[in-house]
C-alpha atoms as a PDB file:
ATOM      1  CA  UNK A   1     -29.262  54.521   7.656  1.00  0.00           C
ATOM      2  CA  UNK A   2     -28.346  51.924  10.251  1.00  0.00           C
ATOM      3  CA  UNK A   3     -29.630  51.900  13.801  1.00  0.00           C
ATOM      4  CA  UNK A   4     -26.202  52.946  15.097  1.00  0.00           C
ATOM      5  CA  UNK A   5     -26.159  55.806  12.591  1.00  0.00           C
ATOM      6  CA  UNK A   6     -29.592  56.977  13.782  1.00  0.00           C
ATOM      7  CA  UNK A   7     -28.425  56.654  17.377  1.00  0.00           C
ATOM      8  CA  UNK A   8     -25.337  58.765  16.703  1.00  0.00           C
ATOM      9  CA  UNK A   9     -27.215  61.361  14.670  1.00  0.00           C
ATOM     10  CA  UNK A  10     -29.952  61.671  17.298  1.00  0.00           C
ATOM     11  CA  UNK A  11     -27.412  61.980  20.104  1.00  0.00           C
ATOM     12  CA  UNK A  12     -25.425  64.696  18.323  1.00  0.00           C
ATOM     13  CA  UNK A  13     -28.545  66.678  17.365  1.00  0.00           C
ATOM     14  CA  UNK A  14     -29.956  66.502  20.884  1.00  0.00           C
ATOM     15  CA  UNK A  15     -26.594  67.505  22.365  1.00  0.00           C
ATOM     16  CA  UNK A  16     -26.626  70.548  20.080  1.00  0.00           C
ATOM     17  CA  UNK A  17     -30.188  71.291  21.246  1.00  0.00           C
ATOM     18  CA  UNK A  18     -29.194  71.042  24.930  1.00  0.00           C
ATOM     19  CA  UNK A  19     -26.152  73.252  24.282  1.00  0.00           C
ATOM     20  CA  UNK A  20     -28.422  75.845  22.663  1.00  0.00           C
ATOM     21  CA  UNK A  21     -30.780  75.770  25.635  1.00  0.00           C
ATOM     22  CA  UNK A  22     -27.842  76.021  28.045  1.00  0.00           C
ATOM     23  CA  UNK A  23     -26.472  79.062  26.216  1.00  0.00           C
ATOM     24  CA  UNK A  24     -29.862  80.831  26.356  1.00  0.00           C
ATOM     25  CA  UNK A  25     -30.467  80.364  30.072  1.00  0.00           C
ATOM     26  CA  UNK A  26     -31.884  83.457  31.746  1.00  0.00           C
ATOM     27  CA  UNK A  27     -33.723  82.788  34.979  1.00  0.00           C
ATOM     28  CA  UNK A  28     -35.962  85.288  36.706  1.00  0.00           C
ATOM     29  CA  UNK A  29     -36.172  83.726  40.158  1.00  0.00           C
ATOM     30  CA  UNK A  30     -33.406  82.465  42.427  1.00  0.00           C
ATOM     31  CA  UNK A  31     -34.377  78.808  42.108  1.00  0.00           C
ATOM     32  CA  UNK A  32     -36.013  79.130  38.693  1.00  0.00           C
ATOM     33  CA  UNK A  33     -33.051  77.512  36.979  1.00  0.00           C
ATOM     34  CA  UNK A  34     -32.541  74.646  39.383  1.00  0.00           C
ATOM     35  CA  UNK A  35     -34.951  72.205  37.744  1.00  0.00           C
ATOM     36  CA  UNK A  36     -34.087  73.054  34.097  1.00  0.00           C
ATOM     37  CA  UNK A  37     -30.353  72.876  34.835  1.00  0.00           C
ATOM     38  CA  UNK A  38     -30.669  69.481  36.493  1.00  0.00           C
ATOM     39  CA  UNK A  39     -32.747  68.168  33.577  1.00  0.00           C
ATOM     40  CA  UNK A  40     -30.224  69.486  31.034  1.00  0.00           C
ATOM     41  CA  UNK A  41     -27.307  67.963  32.967  1.00  0.00           C
ATOM     42  CA  UNK A  42     -28.991  64.553  33.200  1.00  0.00           C
ATOM     43  CA  UNK A  43     -29.986  64.735  29.537  1.00  0.00           C
ATOM     44  CA  UNK A  44     -26.412  65.603  28.544  1.00  0.00           C
ATOM     45  CA  UNK A  45     -24.996  62.699  30.554  1.00  0.00           C
ATOM     46  CA  UNK A  46     -27.463  60.238  28.999  1.00  0.00           C
ATOM     47  CA  UNK A  47     -26.826  61.555  25.478  1.00  0.00           C
ATOM     48  CA  UNK A  48     -23.058  61.310  25.881  1.00  0.00           C
ATOM     49  CA  UNK A  49     -23.513  57.775  27.218  1.00  0.00           C
ATOM     50  CA  UNK A  50     -25.724  56.842  24.220  1.00  0.00           C
ATOM     51  CA  UNK A  51     -23.176  58.379  21.845  1.00  0.00           C
ATOM     52  CA  UNK A  52     -20.262  56.497  23.415  1.00  0.00           C
ATOM     53  CA  UNK A  53     -22.233  53.227  23.511  1.00  0.00           C
ATOM     54  CA  UNK A  54     -23.107  53.596  19.830  1.00  0.00           C
ATOM     55  CA  UNK A  55     -19.433  52.962  19.058  1.00  0.00           C
ATOM     56  CA  UNK A  56     -19.398  49.744  21.089  1.00  0.00           C
ATOM     57  CA  UNK A  57     -21.243  46.452  20.826  1.00  0.00           C
ATOM     58  CA  UNK A  58     -23.616  47.701  23.544  1.00  0.00           C
ATOM     59  CA  UNK A  59     -25.437  50.189  21.317  1.00  0.00           C
ATOM     60  CA  UNK A  60     -28.729  51.490  22.681  1.00  0.00           C
ATOM     61  CA  UNK A  61     -30.616  50.856  19.441  1.00  0.00           C
ATOM     62  CA  UNK A  62     -30.326  47.382  17.970  1.00  0.00           C
ATOM     63  CA  UNK A  63     -30.917  46.475  14.334  1.00  0.00           C
ATOM     64  CA  UNK A  64     -34.186  44.589  13.864  1.00  0.00           C
ATOM     65  CA  UNK A  65     -33.985  40.830  13.399  1.00  0.00           C
ATOM     66  CA  UNK A  66     -32.894  40.130   9.823  1.00  0.00           C
ATOM     67  CA  UNK A  67     -31.735  43.711   9.270  1.00  0.00           C
ATOM     68  CA  UNK A  68     -33.762  46.659   8.033  1.00  0.00           C
ATOM     69  CA  UNK A  69     -36.703  45.825   5.792  1.00  0.00           C
ATOM     70  CA  UNK A  70     -35.958  46.607   2.183  1.00  0.00           C
ATOM     71  CA  UNK A  71     -38.412  48.755   0.284  1.00  0.00           C
ATOM     72  CA  UNK A  72     -40.366  49.880   3.333  1.00  0.00           C
ATOM     73  CA  UNK A  73     -40.952  53.610   2.934  1.00  0.00           C
ATOM     74  CA  UNK A  74     -39.944  56.003   5.679  1.00  0.00           C
ATOM     75  CA  UNK A  75     -42.924  57.885   7.080  1.00  0.00           C
ATOM     76  CA  UNK A  76     -41.635  61.450   6.889  1.00  0.00           C
ATOM     77  CA  UNK A  77     -45.006  63.207   6.729  1.00  0.00           C
ATOM     78  CA  UNK A  78     -46.097  62.547  10.351  1.00  0.00           C
ATOM     79  CA  UNK A  79     -42.673  63.542  11.661  1.00  0.00           C
ATOM     80  CA  UNK A  80     -42.715  66.692   9.534  1.00  0.00           C
ATOM     81  CA  UNK A  81     -46.217  67.706  10.624  1.00  0.00           C
ATOM     82  CA  UNK A  82     -45.413  67.244  14.322  1.00  0.00           C
ATOM     83  CA  UNK A  83     -42.108  69.097  13.822  1.00  0.00           C
ATOM     84  CA  UNK A  84     -43.907  72.029  12.150  1.00  0.00           C
ATOM     85  CA  UNK A  85     -46.481  72.160  14.981  1.00  0.00           C
ATOM     86  CA  UNK A  86     -43.664  72.184  17.570  1.00  0.00           C
ATOM     87  CA  UNK A  87     -41.806  74.877  15.628  1.00  0.00           C
ATOM     88  CA  UNK A  88     -44.942  77.048  15.413  1.00  0.00           C
ATOM     89  CA  UNK A  89     -45.533  76.457  19.120  1.00  0.00           C
ATOM     90  CA  UNK A  90     -42.029  77.686  19.884  1.00  0.00           C
ATOM     91  CA  UNK A  91     -42.293  80.702  17.587  1.00  0.00           C
ATOM     92  CA  UNK A  92     -45.620  81.850  19.040  1.00  0.00           C
ATOM     93  CA  UNK A  93     -44.810  81.051  22.692  1.00  0.00           C
ATOM     94  CA  UNK A  94     -43.737  84.600  23.600  1.00  0.00           C
ATOM     95  CA  UNK A  95     -46.672  86.171  21.757  1.00  0.00           C
ATOM     96  CA  UNK A  96     -49.512  83.848  22.759  1.00  0.00           C
ATOM     97  CA  UNK A  97     -48.142  82.753  26.119  1.00  0.00           C
ATOM     98  CA  UNK A  98     -47.687  79.235  27.439  1.00  0.00           C
ATOM     99  CA  UNK A  99     -51.362  78.593  28.216  1.00  0.00           C
ATOM    100  CA  UNK A 100     -52.781  79.358  24.776  1.00  0.00           C
ATOM    101  CA  UNK A 101     -49.867  78.071  22.721  1.00  0.00           C
ATOM    102  CA  UNK A 102     -49.750  74.938  24.899  1.00  0.00           C
ATOM    103  CA  UNK A 103     -53.423  74.169  24.371  1.00  0.00           C
ATOM    104  CA  UNK A 104     -53.176  74.819  20.622  1.00  0.00           C
ATOM    105  CA  UNK A 105     -49.957  72.814  20.279  1.00  0.00           C
ATOM    106  CA  UNK A 106     -51.064  69.817  22.345  1.00  0.00           C
ATOM    107  CA  UNK A 107     -54.518  69.780  20.742  1.00  0.00           C
ATOM    108  CA  UNK A 108     -53.031  69.950  17.246  1.00  0.00           C
ATOM    109  CA  UNK A 109     -50.615  67.106  17.903  1.00  0.00           C
ATOM    110  CA  UNK A 110     -53.266  64.959  19.656  1.00  0.00           C
ATOM    111  CA  UNK A 111     -55.728  65.520  16.819  1.00  0.00           C
ATOM    112  CA  UNK A 112     -53.164  64.784  14.118  1.00  0.00           C
ATOM    113  CA  UNK A 113     -51.744  61.669  15.769  1.00  0.00           C
ATOM    114  CA  UNK A 114     -55.303  60.479  16.411  1.00  0.00           C
ATOM    115  CA  UNK A 115     -55.863  60.205  12.658  1.00  0.00           C
ATOM    116  CA  UNK A 116     -57.197  63.702  11.869  1.00  0.00           C
ATOM    117  CA  UNK A 117     -60.899  62.860  12.321  1.00  0.00           C
ATOM    118  CA  UNK A 118     -63.286  65.719  11.587  1.00  0.00           C
ATOM    119  CA  UNK A 119     -65.627  64.362  14.250  1.00  0.00           C
ATOM    120  CA  UNK A 120     -66.557  66.895  16.925  1.00  0.00           C
ATOM    121  CA  UNK A 121     -66.201  64.255  19.658  1.00  0.00           C
ATOM    122  CA  UNK A 122     -62.607  63.503  18.658  1.00  0.00           C
ATOM    123  CA  UNK A 123     -61.743  67.196  18.377  1.00  0.00           C
ATOM    124  CA  UNK A 124     -63.325  67.820  21.794  1.00  0.00           C
ATOM    125  CA  UNK A 125     -61.320  64.925  23.247  1.00  0.00           C
ATOM    126  CA  UNK A 126     -58.073  66.334  21.778  1.00  0.00           C
ATOM    127  CA  UNK A 127     -58.825  69.792  23.214  1.00  0.00           C
ATOM    128  CA  UNK A 128     -59.743  68.290  26.613  1.00  0.00           C
ATOM    129  CA  UNK A 129     -56.482  66.342  26.741  1.00  0.00           C
ATOM    130  CA  UNK A 130     -54.592  69.486  25.702  1.00  0.00           C
ATOM    131  CA  UNK A 131     -56.282  71.566  28.422  1.00  0.00           C
ATOM    132  CA  UNK A 132     -55.542  68.941  31.074  1.00  0.00           C
ATOM    133  CA  UNK A 133     -51.867  68.588  30.105  1.00  0.00           C
ATOM    134  CA  UNK A 134     -51.316  72.334  29.727  1.00  0.00           C
ATOM    135  CA  UNK A 135     -52.877  73.277  33.038  1.00  0.00           C
ATOM    136  CA  UNK A 136     -51.152  70.390  34.827  1.00  0.00           C
ATOM    137  CA  UNK A 137     -47.828  71.775  33.538  1.00  0.00           C
ATOM    138  CA  UNK A 138     -48.817  75.311  34.526  1.00  0.00           C
ATOM    139  CA  UNK A 139     -49.688  74.117  38.047  1.00  0.00           C
ATOM    140  CA  UNK A 140     -46.459  72.140  38.279  1.00  0.00           C
ATOM    141  CA  UNK A 141     -44.193  74.979  37.150  1.00  0.00           C
ATOM    142  CA  UNK A 142     -45.981  78.045  38.546  1.00  0.00           C
ATOM    143  CA  UNK A 143     -47.093  76.623  41.907  1.00  0.00           C
ATOM    144  CA  UNK A 144     -44.803  73.772  42.887  1.00  0.00           C
ATOM    145  CA  UNK A 145     -41.540  74.792  41.198  1.00  0.00           C
ATOM    146  CA  UNK A 146     -42.223  78.562  41.281  1.00  0.00           C
ATOM    147  CA  UNK A 147     -40.943  78.964  37.730  1.00  0.00           C
ATOM    148  CA  UNK A 148     -42.904  81.627  35.845  1.00  0.00           C
ATOM    149  CA  UNK A 149     -44.052  80.629  32.386  1.00  0.00           C
ATOM    150  CA  UNK A 150     -44.455  83.158  29.559  1.00  0.00           C
ATOM    151  CA  UNK A 151     -47.794  84.965  29.809  1.00  0.00           C
ATOM    152  CA  UNK A 152     -47.514  86.279  26.256  1.00  0.00           C
ATOM    153  CA  UNK A 153     -47.719  89.782  24.893  1.00  0.00           C
ATOM    154  CA  UNK A 154     -51.349  89.431  23.843  1.00  0.00           C
ATOM    155  CA  UNK A 155     -52.730  88.429  27.252  1.00  0.00           C
ATOM    156  CA  UNK A 156     -49.816  89.397  29.511  1.00  0.00           C
END
């Protein structure tokens, strides 16, 4: 697949994703939807721009010098593993809540992308990064933006 083809495919898939999110909007607080709506609108504008530019000579993604390398295998396994972790994260979000599913999801992705070491120091580092990111997001959304995150049915 060419770079322009990947650009077009990615733009169309992400536009479908944004449309799905837009259709499922259901905000609890008065201003709870302000930030997500603005992000979705900006994302839509940028995706439409990338899609339009992919049909011009100003494409966002350029072919590498000399064209694509022949015989170089596509690394589907890392993309698949991260995709499965994100899918599981999404599926268990309502049950486990954002805090627990966020820590598990971020820690799993950090550990996997770090090379899957079975060293307790590396696992501890992945969990520490996951805790920091998750609780930074919780602080940002719950306190500053006043957007409630799912508590989960187990702990909520």
